[in-house]
PDB file of N, CA and C in Angstrom:
ATOM      1  N   MET A   1     -11.978   2.291  -8.346  1.00  0.00           N
ATOM      2  CA  MET A   1     -10.785   2.037  -6.934  1.00  0.00           C
ATOM      3  C   MET A   1     -11.381   1.750  -5.460  1.00  0.00           C
ATOM      4  N   GLN A   2     -10.831   0.743  -5.190  1.00  0.00           N
ATOM      5  CA  GLN A   2     -11.261   0.295  -4.079  1.00  0.00           C
ATOM      6  C   GLN A   2     -10.639   0.822  -2.782  1.00  0.00           C
ATOM      7  N   THR A   3     -11.289   1.293  -2.062  1.00  0.00           N
ATOM      8  CA  THR A   3     -10.367   1.827  -0.286  1.00  0.00           C
ATOM      9  C   THR A   3     -10.656   1.179   0.753  1.00  0.00           C
ATOM     10  N   THR A   4      -9.265   1.015   1.657  1.00  0.00           N
ATOM     11  CA  THR A   4      -9.905   0.777   2.715  1.00  0.00           C
ATOM     12  C   THR A   4      -8.971   1.721   4.092  1.00  0.00           C
ATOM     13  N   THR A   5      -9.644   1.497   5.332  1.00  0.00           N
ATOM     14  CA  THR A   5      -9.243   2.266   6.352  1.00  0.00           C
ATOM     15  C   THR A   5      -8.409   1.829   7.188  1.00  0.00           C
ATOM     16  N   VAL A   6      -7.803   3.059   7.713  1.00  0.00           N
ATOM     17  CA  VAL A   6      -6.566   2.638   8.661  1.00  0.00           C
ATOM     18  C   VAL A   6      -7.198   1.521   9.766  1.00  0.00           C
ATOM     19  N   GLU A   7      -8.694   2.320   9.851  1.00  0.00           N
ATOM     20  CA  GLU A   7      -8.711   1.457  11.180  1.00  0.00           C
ATOM     21  C   GLU A   7      -9.020   0.187  10.935  1.00  0.00           C
ATOM     22  N   ALA A   8      -9.518  -0.506   9.778  1.00  0.00           N
ATOM     23  CA  ALA A   8     -10.198  -1.661   9.153  1.00  0.00           C
ATOM     24  C   ALA A   8      -8.761  -2.553   8.829  1.00  0.00           C
ATOM     25  N   LEU A   9      -7.755  -2.063   8.059  1.00  0.00           N
ATOM     26  CA  LEU A   9      -6.464  -2.002   8.329  1.00  0.00           C
ATOM     27  C   LEU A   9      -5.763  -2.739   9.320  1.00  0.00           C
ATOM     28  N   LYS A  10      -5.716  -2.186  10.223  1.00  0.00           N
ATOM     29  CA  LYS A  10      -5.239  -2.214  11.759  1.00  0.00           C
ATOM     30  C   LYS A  10      -5.970  -3.349  12.364  1.00  0.00           C
ATOM     31  N   ALA A  11      -7.218  -3.785  12.228  1.00  0.00           N
ATOM     32  CA  ALA A  11      -8.156  -4.584  12.544  1.00  0.00           C
ATOM     33  C   ALA A  11      -7.778  -6.227  11.451  1.00  0.00           C
ATOM     34  N   ARG A  12      -7.051  -5.752  11.320  1.00  0.00           N
ATOM     35  CA  ARG A  12      -7.151  -7.072  10.500  1.00  0.00           C
ATOM     36  C   ARG A  12      -5.879  -7.459  10.709  1.00  0.00           C
ATOM     37  N   LEU A  13      -4.798  -6.402  10.967  1.00  0.00           N
ATOM     38  CA  LEU A  13      -3.095  -6.783  11.336  1.00  0.00           C
ATOM     39  C   LEU A  13      -3.382  -7.748  12.688  1.00  0.00           C
ATOM     40  N   ASP A  14      -3.983  -6.985  13.722  1.00  0.00           N
ATOM     41  CA  ASP A  14      -3.844  -6.869  14.504  1.00  0.00           C
ATOM     42  C   ASP A  14      -4.982  -8.575  15.391  1.00  0.00           C
ATOM     43  N   ASN A  15      -5.504  -9.010  14.356  1.00  0.00           N
ATOM     44  CA  ASN A  15      -6.446 -10.483  14.093  1.00  0.00           C
ATOM     45  C   ASN A  15      -5.220 -11.661  13.859  1.00  0.00           C
ATOM     46  N   GLY A  16      -3.943 -10.835  13.181  1.00  0.00           N
ATOM     47  CA  GLY A  16      -3.006 -11.789  12.615  1.00  0.00           C
ATOM     48  C   GLY A  16      -3.699 -12.174  11.395  1.00  0.00           C
ATOM     49  N   GLU A  17      -3.926 -11.550  10.434  1.00  0.00           N
ATOM     50  CA  GLU A  17      -4.295 -11.714   9.209  1.00  0.00           C
ATOM     51  C   GLU A  17      -3.109 -11.361   8.467  1.00  0.00           C
ATOM     52  N   VAL A  18      -2.791 -12.065   7.346  1.00  0.00           N
ATOM     53  CA  VAL A  18      -1.777 -12.421   6.251  1.00  0.00           C
ATOM     54  C   VAL A  18      -2.366 -11.008   5.168  1.00  0.00           C
ATOM     55  N   VAL A  19      -1.494 -10.148   5.241  1.00  0.00           N
ATOM     56  CA  VAL A  19      -2.232  -9.086   4.180  1.00  0.00           C
ATOM     57  C   VAL A  19      -0.898  -8.903   3.006  1.00  0.00           C
ATOM     58  N   ASN A  20      -1.350  -8.641   1.933  1.00  0.00           N
ATOM     59  CA  ASN A  20      -0.382  -7.959   0.917  1.00  0.00           C
ATOM     60  C   ASN A  20       0.393  -6.490   0.964  1.00  0.00           C
ATOM     61  N   LEU A  21       0.797  -5.938   1.648  1.00  0.00           N
ATOM     62  CA  LEU A  21       1.180  -4.402   1.653  1.00  0.00           C
ATOM     63  C   LEU A  21       2.190  -4.403   1.138  1.00  0.00           C
ATOM     64  N   LEU A  22       1.701  -2.984   0.134  1.00  0.00           N
ATOM     65  CA  LEU A  22       2.433  -2.379  -0.372  1.00  0.00           C
ATOM     66  C   LEU A  22       2.848  -0.822  -0.151  1.00  0.00           C
ATOM     67  N   ASP A  23       3.950  -0.554   0.207  1.00  0.00           N
ATOM     68  CA  ASP A  23       4.269   0.692   0.660  1.00  0.00           C
ATOM     69  C   ASP A  23       5.051   1.293  -0.691  1.00  0.00           C
ATOM     70  N   VAL A  24       4.548   2.662  -1.646  1.00  0.00           N
ATOM     71  CA  VAL A  24       5.235   2.904  -2.554  1.00  0.00           C
ATOM     72  C   VAL A  24       5.278   4.286  -1.988  1.00  0.00           C
ATOM     73  N   ARG A  25       6.229   4.381  -1.074  1.00  0.00           N
ATOM     74  CA  ARG A  25       6.564   6.079  -0.350  1.00  0.00           C
ATOM     75  C   ARG A  25       8.210   5.746  -1.191  1.00  0.00           C
ATOM     76  N   GLU A  26       8.789   7.097  -0.450  1.00  0.00           N
ATOM     77  CA  GLU A  26      10.514   7.254  -0.821  1.00  0.00           C
ATOM     78  C   GLU A  26      11.226   6.570   0.020  1.00  0.00           C
ATOM     79  N   ASP A  27      12.662   6.253   0.118  1.00  0.00           N
ATOM     80  CA  ASP A  27      13.405   5.497   1.038  1.00  0.00           C
ATOM     81  C   ASP A  27      13.017   6.558   2.236  1.00  0.00           C
ATOM     82  N   HIS A  28      13.605   7.594   2.588  1.00  0.00           N
ATOM     83  CA  HIS A  28      13.448   8.145   3.415  1.00  0.00           C
ATOM     84  C   HIS A  28      12.495   8.688   4.177  1.00  0.00           C
ATOM     85  N   GLU A  29      11.263   8.312   3.536  1.00  0.00           N
ATOM     86  CA  GLU A  29       9.920   7.891   4.288  1.00  0.00           C
ATOM     87  C   GLU A  29       9.627   6.977   4.821  1.00  0.00           C
ATOM     88  N   ARG A  30       9.952   5.766   4.079  1.00  0.00           N
ATOM     89  CA  ARG A  30       9.933   4.664   4.772  1.00  0.00           C
ATOM     90  C   ARG A  30      10.815   4.416   6.079  1.00  0.00           C
ATOM     91  N   ALA A  31      12.047   4.707   5.882  1.00  0.00           N
ATOM     92  CA  ALA A  31      12.825   4.788   6.907  1.00  0.00           C
ATOM     93  C   ALA A  31      12.114   5.071   8.509  1.00  0.00           C
ATOM     94  N   ASP A  32      11.643   6.734   8.245  1.00  0.00           N
ATOM     95  CA  ASP A  32      10.844   6.833   9.037  1.00  0.00           C
ATOM     96  C   ASP A  32       9.985   6.327  10.264  1.00  0.00           C
ATOM     97  N   PHE A  33       9.157   6.065   9.244  1.00  0.00           N
ATOM     98  CA  PHE A  33       7.809   5.121   9.914  1.00  0.00           C
ATOM     99  C   PHE A  33       7.380   4.223   8.758  1.00  0.00           C
ATOM    100  N   ASN A  34       6.874   3.055   9.134  1.00  0.00           N
ATOM    101  CA  ASN A  34       6.250   1.839   8.237  1.00  0.00           C
ATOM    102  C   ASN A  34       5.595   1.131   8.994  1.00  0.00           C
ATOM    103  N   ILE A  35       4.739   0.236   8.721  1.00  0.00           N
ATOM    104  CA  ILE A  35       3.891  -0.666   8.849  1.00  0.00           C
ATOM    105  C   ILE A  35       3.791  -1.902   8.254  1.00  0.00           C
ATOM    106  N   GLY A  36       5.272  -2.111   7.863  1.00  0.00           N
ATOM    107  CA  GLY A  36       6.032  -3.235   7.072  1.00  0.00           C
ATOM    108  C   GLY A  36       5.483  -3.537   5.283  1.00  0.00           C
ATOM    109  N   GLY A  37       5.401  -4.523   5.000  1.00  0.00           N
ATOM    110  CA  GLY A  37       4.901  -5.035   3.456  1.00  0.00           C
ATOM    111  C   GLY A  37       6.161  -4.390   2.628  1.00  0.00           C
ATOM    112  N   THR A  38       6.117  -4.752   1.556  1.00  0.00           N
ATOM    113  CA  THR A  38       6.669  -4.511   0.452  1.00  0.00           C
ATOM    114  C   THR A  38       7.309  -3.179  -0.101  1.00  0.00           C
ATOM    115  N   HIS A  39       8.484  -2.696  -0.336  1.00  0.00           N
ATOM    116  CA  HIS A  39       8.756  -1.439  -0.614  1.00  0.00           C
ATOM    117  C   HIS A  39       9.094  -1.247  -1.829  1.00  0.00           C
ATOM    118  N   ILE A  40       7.953  -0.521  -2.885  1.00  0.00           N
ATOM    119  CA  ILE A  40       8.216  -0.633  -4.222  1.00  0.00           C
ATOM    120  C   ILE A  40       7.743   1.043  -4.082  1.00  0.00           C
ATOM    121  N   PRO A  41       8.875   2.005  -4.554  1.00  0.00           N
ATOM    122  CA  PRO A  41       8.530   3.437  -4.759  1.00  0.00           C
ATOM    123  C   PRO A  41       7.883   3.523  -5.864  1.00  0.00           C
ATOM    124  N   LEU A  42       6.819   4.923  -5.803  1.00  0.00           N
ATOM    125  CA  LEU A  42       5.684   4.998  -7.031  1.00  0.00           C
ATOM    126  C   LEU A  42       6.441   5.073  -8.231  1.00  0.00           C
ATOM    127  N   GLY A  43       7.922   5.421  -8.530  1.00  0.00           N
ATOM    128  CA  GLY A  43       8.031   5.771  -9.563  1.00  0.00           C
ATOM    129  C   GLY A  43       8.698   4.442 -10.184  1.00  0.00           C
ATOM    130  N   LYS A  44       9.019   3.216  -9.447  1.00  0.00           N
ATOM    131  CA  LYS A  44       9.212   2.117  -9.837  1.00  0.00           C
ATOM    132  C   LYS A  44       7.984   1.158 -10.499  1.00  0.00           C
ATOM    133  N   ILE A  45       6.774   1.845  -9.468  1.00  0.00           N
ATOM    134  CA  ILE A  45       5.623   1.311 -10.295  1.00  0.00           C
ATOM    135  C   ILE A  45       5.247   1.853 -11.518  1.00  0.00           C
ATOM    136  N   GLN A  46       5.788   3.264 -11.810  1.00  0.00           N
ATOM    137  CA  GLN A  46       5.166   3.513 -13.018  1.00  0.00           C
ATOM    138  C   GLN A  46       5.712   2.902 -14.158  1.00  0.00           C
ATOM    139  N   ALA A  47       7.270   2.808 -13.862  1.00  0.00           N
ATOM    140  CA  ALA A  47       8.274   1.556 -14.623  1.00  0.00           C
ATOM    141  C   ALA A  47       7.869   0.654 -14.967  1.00  0.00           C
ATOM    142  N   MET A  48       6.716  -0.144 -14.383  1.00  0.00           N
ATOM    143  CA  MET A  48       6.104  -1.105 -14.027  1.00  0.00           C
ATOM    144  C   MET A  48       7.376  -2.232 -13.525  1.00  0.00           C
ATOM    145  N   GLN A  49       8.415  -2.144 -12.808  1.00  0.00           N
ATOM    146  CA  GLN A  49       8.883  -2.860 -12.376  1.00  0.00           C
ATOM    147  C   GLN A  49       8.505  -3.584 -11.077  1.00  0.00           C
ATOM    148  N   LEU A  50       7.878  -4.263 -11.347  1.00  0.00           N
ATOM    149  CA  LEU A  50       6.854  -5.457 -10.725  1.00  0.00           C
ATOM    150  C   LEU A  50       7.427  -6.442  -9.820  1.00  0.00           C
ATOM    151  N   ASP A  51       8.377  -7.150 -10.503  1.00  0.00           N
ATOM    152  CA  ASP A  51       9.263  -8.884 -10.331  1.00  0.00           C
ATOM    153  C   ASP A  51       9.085  -9.186  -8.981  1.00  0.00           C
ATOM    154  N   ASP A  52       9.062  -8.313  -7.717  1.00  0.00           N
ATOM    155  CA  ASP A  52       8.848  -8.613  -6.275  1.00  0.00           C
ATOM    156  C   ASP A  52       7.380  -8.804  -6.031  1.00  0.00           C
ATOM    157  N   ILE A  53       6.533  -8.363  -6.695  1.00  0.00           N
ATOM    158  CA  ILE A  53       4.861  -8.503  -6.108  1.00  0.00           C
ATOM    159  C   ILE A  53       4.039  -9.275  -7.260  1.00  0.00           C
ATOM    160  N   GLU A  54       4.602  -9.999  -8.502  1.00  0.00           N
ATOM    161  CA  GLU A  54       4.134 -10.551  -9.671  1.00  0.00           C
ATOM    162  C   GLU A  54       2.889 -11.702  -9.158  1.00  0.00           C
ATOM    163  N   ASP A  55       3.697 -12.074  -8.108  1.00  0.00           N
ATOM    164  CA  ASP A  55       2.884 -13.377  -7.342  1.00  0.00           C
ATOM    165  C   ASP A  55       1.550 -12.920  -6.502  1.00  0.00           C
ATOM    166  N   TRP A  56       1.728 -11.649  -6.801  1.00  0.00           N
ATOM    167  CA  TRP A  56       0.280 -10.902  -6.209  1.00  0.00           C
ATOM    168  C   TRP A  56      -0.909 -10.457  -6.667  1.00  0.00           C
ATOM    169  N   LYS A  57      -0.497 -10.760  -8.454  1.00  0.00           N
ATOM    170  CA  LYS A  57      -1.820 -10.280  -9.351  1.00  0.00           C
ATOM    171  C   LYS A  57      -3.392 -10.316  -8.591  1.00  0.00           C
ATOM    172  N   ASP A  58      -3.416 -11.855  -8.575  1.00  0.00           N
ATOM    173  CA  ASP A  58      -5.180 -12.585  -8.496  1.00  0.00           C
ATOM    174  C   ASP A  58      -5.278 -12.199  -7.104  1.00  0.00           C
ATOM    175  N   GLN A  59      -4.783 -11.557  -6.493  1.00  0.00           N
ATOM    176  CA  GLN A  59      -4.684 -11.274  -4.750  1.00  0.00           C
ATOM    177  C   GLN A  59      -5.614 -10.076  -4.586  1.00  0.00           C
ATOM    178  N   GLU A  60      -5.348  -9.582  -3.382  1.00  0.00           N
ATOM    179  CA  GLU A  60      -5.714  -8.099  -2.884  1.00  0.00           C
ATOM    180  C   GLU A  60      -4.306  -7.475  -2.132  1.00  0.00           C
ATOM    181  N   VAL A  61      -3.881  -6.535  -2.796  1.00  0.00           N
ATOM    182  CA  VAL A  61      -2.885  -5.447  -2.699  1.00  0.00           C
ATOM    183  C   VAL A  61      -3.362  -4.620  -1.941  1.00  0.00           C
ATOM    184  N   ILE A  62      -3.033  -4.330  -0.613  1.00  0.00           N
ATOM    185  CA  ILE A  62      -3.077  -3.242   0.166  1.00  0.00           C
ATOM    186  C   ILE A  62      -1.849  -1.996  -0.209  1.00  0.00           C
ATOM    187  N   VAL A  63      -2.111  -0.654  -0.959  1.00  0.00           N
ATOM    188  CA  VAL A  63      -0.867  -0.486  -1.191  1.00  0.00           C
ATOM    189  C   VAL A  63      -0.983   1.356  -0.487  1.00  0.00           C
ATOM    190  N   TYR A  64      -0.187   1.937   0.364  1.00  0.00           N
ATOM    191  CA  TYR A  64       0.088   3.240   1.358  1.00  0.00           C
ATOM    192  C   TYR A  64       0.890   3.636   0.986  1.00  0.00           C
ATOM    193  N   CYS A  65       0.624   5.320   0.851  1.00  0.00           N
ATOM    194  CA  CYS A  65       1.885   6.150   1.241  1.00  0.00           C
ATOM    195  C   CYS A  65       1.946   7.186   2.473  1.00  0.00           C
ATOM    196  N   ARG A  66       1.953   8.319   2.288  1.00  0.00           N
ATOM    197  CA  ARG A  66       2.000   9.236   2.959  1.00  0.00           C
ATOM    198  C   ARG A  66       0.399   9.724   3.021  1.00  0.00           C
ATOM    199  N   SER A  67       0.262  10.219   1.992  1.00  0.00           N
ATOM    200  CA  SER A  67      -1.249  10.890   2.436  1.00  0.00           C
ATOM    201  C   SER A  67      -2.527  10.073   1.829  1.00  0.00           C
ATOM    202  N   GLY A  68      -2.235   9.010   1.025  1.00  0.00           N
ATOM    203  CA  GLY A  68      -3.302   8.606   0.047  1.00  0.00           C
ATOM    204  C   GLY A  68      -3.142   8.889  -1.684  1.00  0.00           C
ATOM    205  N   ASN A  69      -2.585   9.491  -1.770  1.00  0.00           N
ATOM    206  CA  ASN A  69      -2.432  10.169  -2.907  1.00  0.00           C
ATOM    207  C   ASN A  69      -2.091   9.833  -3.966  1.00  0.00           C
ATOM    208  N   ARG A  70      -0.174   9.108  -3.889  1.00  0.00           N
ATOM    209  CA  ARG A  70       0.087   8.286  -4.471  1.00  0.00           C
ATOM    210  C   ARG A  70       0.189   6.708  -4.863  1.00  0.00           C
ATOM    211  N   SER A  71      -0.502   6.308  -3.330  1.00  0.00           N
ATOM    212  CA  SER A  71      -1.122   4.648  -3.621  1.00  0.00           C
ATOM    213  C   SER A  71      -2.417   5.173  -3.898  1.00  0.00           C
ATOM    214  N   GLY A  72      -3.012   5.591  -4.342  1.00  0.00           N
ATOM    215  CA  GLY A  72      -4.256   6.250  -5.452  1.00  0.00           C
ATOM    216  C   GLY A  72      -3.827   5.872  -6.528  1.00  0.00           C
ATOM    217  N   MET A  73      -2.508   6.554  -7.229  1.00  0.00           N
ATOM    218  CA  MET A  73      -2.285   6.301  -8.308  1.00  0.00           C
ATOM    219  C   MET A  73      -1.069   5.036  -8.443  1.00  0.00           C
ATOM    220  N   ALA A  74      -0.802   4.536  -7.756  1.00  0.00           N
ATOM    221  CA  ALA A  74      -0.405   3.248  -8.127  1.00  0.00           C
ATOM    222  C   ALA A  74      -1.010   2.238  -7.714  1.00  0.00           C
ATOM    223  N   SER A  75      -2.324   2.096  -7.274  1.00  0.00           N
ATOM    224  CA  SER A  75      -3.322   1.581  -7.502  1.00  0.00           C
ATOM    225  C   SER A  75      -3.607   1.085  -8.940  1.00  0.00           C
ATOM    226  N   LEU A  76      -4.225   2.165  -9.224  1.00  0.00           N
ATOM    227  CA  LEU A  76      -4.771   2.578 -10.474  1.00  0.00           C
ATOM    228  C   LEU A  76      -3.685   2.139 -12.193  1.00  0.00           C
ATOM    229  N   PHE A  77      -1.929   2.211 -11.853  1.00  0.00           N
ATOM    230  CA  PHE A  77      -0.918   1.535 -12.551  1.00  0.00           C
ATOM    231  C   PHE A  77      -1.310  -0.032 -12.479  1.00  0.00           C
ATOM    232  N   LEU A  78      -1.276  -0.293 -11.434  1.00  0.00           N
ATOM    233  CA  LEU A  78      -1.639  -1.977 -10.723  1.00  0.00           C
ATOM    234  C   LEU A  78      -2.462  -2.579 -11.715  1.00  0.00           C
ATOM    235  N   GLU A  79      -3.556  -1.743 -11.408  1.00  0.00           N
ATOM    236  CA  GLU A  79      -4.988  -2.198 -11.926  1.00  0.00           C
ATOM    237  C   GLU A  79      -4.557  -2.331 -13.463  1.00  0.00           C
ATOM    238  N   GLN A  80      -3.658  -1.485 -14.551  1.00  0.00           N
ATOM    239  CA  GLN A  80      -3.289  -1.298 -15.554  1.00  0.00           C
ATOM    240  C   GLN A  80      -2.620  -2.884 -16.020  1.00  0.00           C
ATOM    241  N   ALA A  81      -1.965  -3.014 -15.226  1.00  0.00           N
ATOM    242  CA  ALA A  81      -0.661  -4.090 -15.252  1.00  0.00           C
ATOM    243  C   ALA A  81      -1.185  -5.445 -14.793  1.00  0.00           C
ATOM    244  N   GLY A  82      -2.623  -5.445 -14.981  1.00  0.00           N
ATOM    245  CA  GLY A  82      -3.159  -6.413 -14.907  1.00  0.00           C
ATOM    246  C   GLY A  82      -3.448  -7.176 -13.495  1.00  0.00           C
ATOM    247  N   PHE A  83      -3.004  -6.763 -12.358  1.00  0.00           N
ATOM    248  CA  PHE A  83      -3.463  -6.489 -10.647  1.00  0.00           C
ATOM    249  C   PHE A  83      -5.029  -6.817 -10.779  1.00  0.00           C
ATOM    250  N   LYS A  84      -5.366  -7.792 -10.292  1.00  0.00           N
ATOM    251  CA  LYS A  84      -6.615  -7.853  -9.862  1.00  0.00           C
ATOM    252  C   LYS A  84      -7.857  -7.152  -8.625  1.00  0.00           C
ATOM    253  N   ASN A  85      -6.885  -6.836  -7.556  1.00  0.00           N
ATOM    254  CA  ASN A  85      -7.439  -6.571  -6.477  1.00  0.00           C
ATOM    255  C   ASN A  85      -6.465  -5.708  -5.640  1.00  0.00           C
ATOM    256  N   PRO A  86      -6.167  -4.572  -6.418  1.00  0.00           N
ATOM    257  CA  PRO A  86      -5.345  -3.256  -5.545  1.00  0.00           C
ATOM    258  C   PRO A  86      -6.779  -2.846  -4.615  1.00  0.00           C
ATOM    259  N   VAL A  87      -6.118  -2.202  -3.581  1.00  0.00           N
ATOM    260  CA  VAL A  87      -6.970  -1.313  -2.358  1.00  0.00           C
ATOM    261  C   VAL A  87      -5.846  -0.572  -2.116  1.00  0.00           C
ATOM    262  N   ASN A  88      -6.546   0.664  -1.922  1.00  0.00           N
ATOM    263  CA  ASN A  88      -5.501   1.982  -1.562  1.00  0.00           C
ATOM    264  C   ASN A  88      -5.910   2.775  -0.159  1.00  0.00           C
ATOM    265  N   LEU A  89      -5.220   2.545   0.636  1.00  0.00           N
ATOM    266  CA  LEU A  89      -5.326   2.980   1.986  1.00  0.00           C
ATOM    267  C   LEU A  89      -5.512   4.277   2.528  1.00  0.00           C
ATOM    268  N   THR A  90      -6.489   4.871   2.526  1.00  0.00           N
ATOM    269  CA  THR A  90      -6.973   6.123   2.517  1.00  0.00           C
ATOM    270  C   THR A  90      -6.842   6.844   3.562  1.00  0.00           C
ATOM    271  N   GLY A  91      -6.037   7.505   3.436  1.00  0.00           N
ATOM    272  CA  GLY A  91      -5.448   8.735   3.811  1.00  0.00           C
ATOM    273  C   GLY A  91      -3.603   8.568   4.747  1.00  0.00           C
ATOM    274  N   GLY A  92      -3.467   7.059   4.382  1.00  0.00           N
ATOM    275  CA  GLY A  92      -1.766   6.607   4.274  1.00  0.00           C
ATOM    276  C   GLY A  92      -1.801   7.121   5.847  1.00  0.00           C
ATOM    277  N   MET A  93      -0.290   6.958   5.807  1.00  0.00           N
ATOM    278  CA  MET A  93       0.568   6.955   7.125  1.00  0.00           C
ATOM    279  C   MET A  93      -0.030   8.088   7.846  1.00  0.00           C
ATOM    280  N   LEU A  94      -0.212   9.114   7.273  1.00  0.00           N
ATOM    281  CA  LEU A  94      -0.774  10.131   8.026  1.00  0.00           C
ATOM    282  C   LEU A  94      -2.307   9.642   8.631  1.00  0.00           C
ATOM    283  N   ALA A  95      -2.716   9.485   8.166  1.00  0.00           N
ATOM    284  CA  ALA A  95      -4.017   8.680   8.892  1.00  0.00           C
ATOM    285  C   ALA A  95      -3.618   7.953  10.231  1.00  0.00           C
ATOM    286  N   TRP A  96      -2.898   7.113   9.529  1.00  0.00           N
ATOM    287  CA  TRP A  96      -2.288   6.162  10.857  1.00  0.00           C
ATOM    288  C   TRP A  96      -1.616   6.510  11.707  1.00  0.00           C
ATOM    289  N   GLN A  97      -0.975   7.329  11.730  1.00  0.00           N
ATOM    290  CA  GLN A  97      -0.280   8.229  12.689  1.00  0.00           C
ATOM    291  C   GLN A  97      -1.397   9.109  13.611  1.00  0.00           C
ATOM    292  N   GLU A  98      -2.439   9.729  13.155  1.00  0.00           N
ATOM    293  CA  GLU A  98      -3.342  10.261  13.595  1.00  0.00           C
ATOM    294  C   GLU A  98      -3.723   9.639  14.475  1.00  0.00           C
ATOM    295  N   LYS A  99      -4.088   8.333  14.046  1.00  0.00           N
ATOM    296  CA  LYS A  99      -5.222   7.126  14.813  1.00  0.00           C
ATOM    297  C   LYS A  99      -4.543   6.575  15.328  1.00  0.00           C
ATOM    298  N   PHE A 100      -3.347   5.814  15.702  1.00  0.00           N
ATOM    299  CA  PHE A 100      -2.766   5.108  16.458  1.00  0.00           C
ATOM    300  C   PHE A 100      -1.335   5.940  16.745  1.00  0.00           C
ATOM    301  N   GLY A 101      -0.601   6.609  16.706  1.00  0.00           N
ATOM    302  CA  GLY A 101       0.305   7.059  16.556  1.00  0.00           C
ATOM    303  C   GLY A 101       1.591   6.337  16.161  1.00  0.00           C
ATOM    304  N   LYS A 102       2.834   6.356  16.584  1.00  0.00           N
ATOM    305  CA  LYS A 102       4.025   5.498  16.163  1.00  0.00           C
ATOM    306  C   LYS A 102       4.299   4.356  16.552  1.00  0.00           C
TER     307      LYS A 102
END
């Protein structure tokens, strides 16, 4: 599984790069703090409810959650569903907030 760091992702976003972000946290976590992207909780990923991101199959998809654990699982599910380039955000939003704040 490929991974990226919060520093690398923030640099890309700050440079105006368009990236496919996928937030796999629960609704209440996303309401508290998020960095954007499409929101599909992990349970829906596991149930293969992927219609919202079907057109990302051949593109890089950066997956994030609170700590990087659920997004790691989601990345594996996406690979099994035929996605070519899922990338797990190491440390998730905890690392982001620690490094950059809210």
